[in-house]
Amino acid sequence: MKFLKIAVFFISLSTFAQGKVGAVDIEYILSKMPELTSVQTEMETYGKSLDVDLNKKIDEYKALLEEYKKDEATFSAEKKKEKQTALLALDNDIQKFQQNGAKLMEIRRQEALKPLYAKIGQALEKVAKQQGYTQVTRATQDIVYLDPAYDLTVPILLELGISVTTEEAEGN
């Protein structure tokens, strides 16, 4: 009898713990947000400013190299070494700037997208609560099949005030 009580307890516990699970394609929602255009424009502007700074460094390097080549014969051994060290340091600076440029772009992109992700998160939470979902996963390429009834992408787009075509409503 005691075993039966324990079995019933675990069965009721597992039944009670079950919930409704949905999925959402956050990147698709992000791509449909009108605010993304301003983020892309901001990123292009920032990228161009990094390019301007890089080109200044490259021009400085070229000018220093030309000066070195032109006057190399007149330099003392000490002056020659000093100029070579300066050229090497500038070359290293250019390489570091190029490496860090990609990192800086990614950091800036994440900062610019943060408010959009927050907006999506708020809409997701509202839709999930309204529709009784206890868990929502991110739809990725790893998902082989997703029942459209459990896809929250379109309801979230609508919650954000983004119009959805009939094809999107049926396909997503």
Protein backbone atom coordinates (compact mmCIF):
# COMPACT_ATOMS: atom_id res chain seq x y z
CA MET A 1 0.00 0.00 0.00
CA LYS A 2 2.85 2.36 0.82
CA PHE A 3 4.40 1.68 -2.62
CA LEU A 4 1.09 2.59 -4.27
CA LYS A 5 0.94 5.91 -2.41
CA ILE A 6 4.51 6.77 -3.50
CA ALA A 7 3.74 5.80 -7.11
CA VAL A 8 0.59 7.96 -7.15
CA PHE A 9 2.56 10.84 -5.61
CA PHE A 10 5.24 10.72 -8.33
CA ILE A 11 2.68 10.35 -11.13
CA SER A 12 0.72 13.36 -9.88
CA LEU A 13 3.93 15.32 -9.40
CA SER A 14 5.11 14.62 -12.95
CA THR A 15 1.68 15.46 -14.37
CA PHE A 16 1.61 18.70 -12.39
CA ALA A 17 5.13 19.61 -13.52
CA GLN A 18 4.36 19.28 -17.22
CA GLY A 19 3.88 22.52 -19.08
CA LYS A 20 3.35 23.99 -22.47
CA VAL A 21 6.58 24.45 -24.45
CA GLY A 22 6.90 26.76 -27.45
CA ALA A 23 9.64 28.03 -29.69
CA VAL A 24 10.53 31.36 -31.24
CA ASP A 25 12.85 32.49 -34.04
CA ILE A 26 14.39 35.57 -32.46
CA GLU A 27 16.69 36.36 -35.37
CA TYR A 28 13.73 36.34 -37.78
CA ILE A 29 11.84 38.73 -35.51
CA LEU A 30 14.90 40.95 -35.28
CA SER A 31 15.19 41.03 -39.08
CA LYS A 32 11.59 42.27 -39.32
CA MET A 33 11.98 45.08 -36.79
CA PRO A 34 12.05 48.55 -38.40
CA GLU A 35 14.58 49.70 -35.78
CA LEU A 36 17.14 47.34 -37.32
CA THR A 37 17.67 49.81 -40.19
CA SER A 38 18.97 52.46 -37.82
CA VAL A 39 21.25 49.91 -36.15
CA GLN A 40 22.65 48.90 -39.53
CA THR A 41 23.20 52.56 -40.44
CA GLU A 42 24.94 53.14 -37.11
CA MET A 43 27.17 50.11 -37.72
CA GLU A 44 28.09 51.31 -41.21
CA THR A 45 28.96 54.75 -39.84
CA TYR A 46 31.05 53.24 -37.05
CA GLY A 47 32.78 50.91 -39.52
CA LYS A 48 33.63 53.86 -41.77
CA SER A 49 35.08 55.78 -38.83
CA LEU A 50 37.26 52.77 -37.98
CA ASP A 51 38.33 52.61 -41.63
CA VAL A 52 39.27 56.31 -41.56
CA ASP A 53 41.41 55.74 -38.46
CA LEU A 54 43.03 52.68 -40.05
CA ASN A 55 43.74 54.56 -43.27
CA LYS A 56 45.39 57.37 -41.27
CA LYS A 57 47.69 54.82 -39.65
CA ILE A 58 48.46 53.21 -43.01
CA ASP A 59 49.17 56.60 -44.59
CA GLU A 60 51.44 57.47 -41.66
CA TYR A 61 53.25 54.15 -42.14
CA LYS A 62 53.65 54.73 -45.89
CA ALA A 63 54.98 58.25 -45.32
CA LEU A 64 57.46 57.00 -42.74
CA LEU A 65 58.53 54.18 -45.05
CA GLU A 66 59.02 56.57 -47.99
CA GLU A 67 61.06 58.90 -45.80
CA TYR A 68 63.15 55.95 -44.63
CA LYS A 69 63.78 54.69 -48.18
CA LYS A 70 64.62 58.19 -49.45
CA ASP A 71 67.07 59.07 -46.69
CA GLU A 72 68.34 55.61 -45.74
CA ALA A 73 71.78 56.16 -47.25
CA THR A 74 72.36 59.27 -45.13
CA PHE A 75 71.30 57.72 -41.80
CA SER A 76 73.81 56.70 -39.21
CA ALA A 77 73.51 53.14 -37.89
CA GLU A 78 71.79 54.46 -34.77
CA LYS A 79 69.32 56.63 -36.73
CA LYS A 80 68.65 53.72 -39.13
CA LYS A 81 67.81 51.41 -36.20
CA GLU A 82 65.60 54.10 -34.65
CA LYS A 83 63.61 54.51 -37.90
CA GLN A 84 63.30 50.73 -38.34
CA THR A 85 61.99 50.40 -34.79
CA ALA A 86 59.45 53.16 -35.45
CA LEU A 87 58.33 51.42 -38.66
CA LEU A 88 58.01 48.08 -36.89
CA ALA A 89 56.04 49.63 -34.02
CA LEU A 90 53.66 51.33 -36.45
CA ASP A 91 53.23 48.10 -38.41
CA ASN A 92 52.40 46.26 -35.18
CA ASP A 93 49.96 49.02 -34.25
CA ILE A 94 48.20 48.65 -37.62
CA GLN A 95 47.92 44.88 -37.18
CA LYS A 96 46.51 45.24 -33.66
CA PHE A 97 44.06 47.87 -34.87
CA GLN A 98 42.84 45.52 -37.62
CA GLN A 99 42.42 42.65 -35.16
CA ASN A 100 40.65 44.80 -32.62
CA GLY A 101 38.46 46.40 -35.28
CA ALA A 102 36.38 43.25 -35.70
CA LYS A 103 36.03 42.95 -31.93
CA LEU A 104 35.05 46.61 -31.61
CA MET A 105 32.45 46.19 -34.35
CA GLU A 106 30.94 43.17 -32.59
CA ILE A 107 30.85 44.97 -29.24
CA ARG A 108 29.18 48.00 -30.82
CA ARG A 109 26.70 45.74 -32.64
CA GLN A 110 25.74 43.96 -29.41
CA GLU A 111 25.28 47.31 -27.64
CA ALA A 112 23.09 48.61 -30.45
CA LEU A 113 20.98 45.43 -30.58
CA LYS A 114 20.55 45.17 -26.81
CA PRO A 115 17.41 47.39 -26.69
CA LEU A 116 15.88 45.44 -29.60
CA TYR A 117 16.47 42.12 -27.86
CA ALA A 118 14.96 43.58 -24.68
CA LYS A 119 11.89 44.65 -26.63
CA ILE A 120 11.58 41.17 -28.14
CA GLY A 121 12.00 39.65 -24.67
CA GLN A 122 9.19 41.75 -23.23
CA ALA A 123 6.86 40.83 -26.10
CA LEU A 124 7.84 37.17 -25.79
CA GLU A 125 7.09 37.16 -22.07
CA LYS A 126 3.70 38.79 -22.63
CA VAL A 127 2.70 36.38 -25.43
CA ALA A 128 3.95 33.33 -23.52
CA LYS A 129 1.95 34.28 -20.44
CA GLN A 130 -1.17 35.07 -22.47
CA GLN A 131 -1.02 31.73 -24.26
CA GLY A 132 -0.09 29.70 -21.18
CA TYR A 133 3.45 28.66 -22.11
CA THR A 134 5.72 27.61 -19.27
CA GLN A 135 8.84 27.32 -21.43
CA VAL A 136 9.95 28.88 -24.69
CA THR A 137 13.02 27.71 -26.55
CA ARG A 138 14.91 29.41 -29.31
CA ALA A 139 14.15 27.99 -32.75
CA THR A 140 17.44 27.16 -34.41
CA GLN A 141 18.62 25.24 -37.43
CA ASP A 142 18.92 22.20 -35.16
CA ILE A 143 15.14 21.93 -34.86
CA VAL A 144 14.01 19.49 -37.51
CA TYR A 145 10.28 19.97 -37.00
CA LEU A 146 8.22 22.50 -35.11
CA ASP A 147 4.45 22.29 -34.97
CA PRO A 148 3.22 25.73 -36.08
CA ALA A 149 0.79 25.72 -33.16
CA TYR A 150 3.78 26.02 -30.79
CA ASP A 151 5.70 28.63 -32.81
CA LEU A 152 5.42 32.00 -31.08
CA THR A 153 7.29 33.97 -33.76
CA VAL A 154 4.22 35.44 -35.50
CA PRO A 155 2.31 36.27 -32.29
CA ILE A 156 5.40 38.09 -31.01
CA LEU A 157 5.73 40.01 -34.29
CA LEU A 158 2.09 41.05 -33.94
CA GLU A 159 2.64 42.03 -30.30
CA LEU A 160 5.48 44.28 -31.48
CA GLY A 161 3.13 45.91 -33.97
CA ILE A 162 4.90 44.43 -36.99
CA SER A 163 2.56 43.48 -39.80
CA VAL A 164 2.74 39.90 -40.98
CA THR A 165 1.89 38.60 -44.43
CA THR A 166 -0.35 35.57 -44.87
CA GLU A 167 2.64 33.48 -46.01
CA GLU A 168 4.60 34.43 -42.90
CA ALA A 169 1.65 33.65 -40.65
CA GLU A 170 1.25 30.23 -42.23
CA GLY A 171 4.95 29.43 -42.72
CA ASN A 172 6.26 30.54 -39.36
